[in-house]
Amino acid sequence: MANDISATIRAFLIENIFGGKETAELKNDTKLISTRMMDSIIALKLVSHLEEKFGIEFEAHEVDQDNLETIDAMVKFVQSKMK
């Protein structure tokens, strides 16, 4: 399941940040928020996408840098919400 979550997140980020072009710059541990690669609008769109795709719900306080900083952090968070 982690691979499905990771692939979903990666595809979303490639489409919305890199204009649909695969890039070696995007790794599972790439910092997205602190480097300003992902802005707040993209983050909110990603949250909505993940909620819809995986049937989970983010609480307002969970939409933060701890849960959205890297693909790895997002995978871990989504998995925790699915249990």
Protein backbone atom coordinates (compact mmCIF):
# COMPACT_ATOMS: atom_id res chain seq x y z
CA MET A 1 0.00 0.00 0.00
CA ALA A 2 2.86 2.39 0.76
CA ASN A 3 3.98 2.16 -2.87
CA ASP A 4 0.48 3.09 -4.09
CA ILE A 5 0.37 6.09 -1.77
CA SER A 6 3.86 7.19 -2.76
CA ALA A 7 3.07 6.82 -6.48
CA THR A 8 -0.14 8.84 -6.07
CA ILE A 9 1.67 11.64 -4.27
CA ARG A 10 4.58 11.62 -6.73
CA ALA A 11 2.24 11.79 -9.75
CA PHE A 12 0.34 14.70 -8.19
CA LEU A 13 3.54 16.62 -7.43
CA ILE A 14 5.04 15.99 -10.87
CA GLU A 15 1.87 17.28 -12.50
CA ASN A 16 1.39 20.30 -10.22
CA ILE A 17 4.96 21.40 -9.52
CA PHE A 18 7.01 20.14 -12.46
CA GLY A 19 4.45 20.57 -15.23
CA GLY A 20 4.09 16.84 -15.84
CA LYS A 21 7.79 16.18 -16.46
CA GLU A 22 9.49 13.43 -14.45
CA THR A 23 12.46 14.78 -12.52
CA ALA A 24 15.33 13.33 -10.52
CA GLU A 25 14.96 16.35 -8.24
CA LEU A 26 11.92 14.77 -6.56
CA LYS A 27 12.96 12.07 -4.11
CA ASN A 28 10.95 10.59 -1.24
CA ASP A 29 12.96 12.65 1.25
CA THR A 30 13.00 15.91 -0.73
CA LYS A 31 11.88 18.76 1.53
CA LEU A 32 8.90 20.33 -0.21
CA ILE A 33 7.65 23.05 2.12
CA SER A 34 10.81 24.38 3.77
CA THR A 35 12.46 24.73 0.35
CA ARG A 36 9.29 26.40 -0.98
CA MET A 37 9.02 23.82 -3.74
CA MET A 38 5.39 23.30 -2.70
CA ASP A 39 3.31 26.36 -1.84
CA SER A 40 0.17 26.47 0.30
CA ILE A 41 -2.21 26.28 -2.66
CA ILE A 42 -0.61 23.10 -3.99
CA ALA A 43 -0.51 21.68 -0.46
CA LEU A 44 -4.25 22.22 -0.02
CA LYS A 45 -4.98 20.70 -3.43
CA LEU A 46 -2.81 17.71 -2.49
CA VAL A 47 -4.66 17.26 0.81
CA SER A 48 -7.98 17.29 -1.02
CA HIS A 49 -6.65 14.80 -3.59
CA LEU A 50 -5.40 12.43 -0.87
CA GLU A 51 -8.68 12.65 1.06
CA GLU A 52 -10.63 11.74 -2.05
CA LYS A 53 -8.25 9.05 -3.31
CA PHE A 54 -7.78 7.21 0.00
CA GLY A 55 -11.03 7.97 1.83
CA ILE A 56 -9.35 9.78 4.71
CA GLU A 57 -9.89 13.14 6.32
CA PHE A 58 -7.25 15.61 7.45
CA GLU A 59 -8.08 17.64 10.54
CA ALA A 60 -7.18 21.33 10.19
CA HIS A 61 -4.22 21.01 12.59
CA GLU A 62 -2.84 18.07 10.58
CA VAL A 63 -2.30 20.14 7.43
CA ASP A 64 1.18 21.18 8.48
CA GLN A 65 4.84 20.89 7.63
CA ASP A 66 5.29 17.77 9.81
CA ASN A 67 2.83 15.78 7.69
CA LEU A 68 3.49 17.36 4.27
CA GLU A 69 7.25 18.10 4.21
CA THR A 70 8.31 14.98 2.28
CA ILE A 71 6.70 12.17 0.31
CA ASP A 72 7.84 9.77 3.05
CA ALA A 73 6.10 11.87 5.73
CA MET A 74 2.91 11.99 3.68
CA VAL A 75 2.92 8.22 3.11
CA LYS A 76 3.36 7.62 6.84
CA PHE A 77 0.56 10.06 7.67
CA VAL A 78 -1.89 8.64 5.11
CA GLN A 79 -1.20 5.11 6.35
CA SER A 80 -1.90 6.20 9.93
CA LYS A 81 -5.26 7.70 8.87
CA MET A 82 -6.27 4.52 7.03
CA LYS A 83 -6.04 2.31 10.13
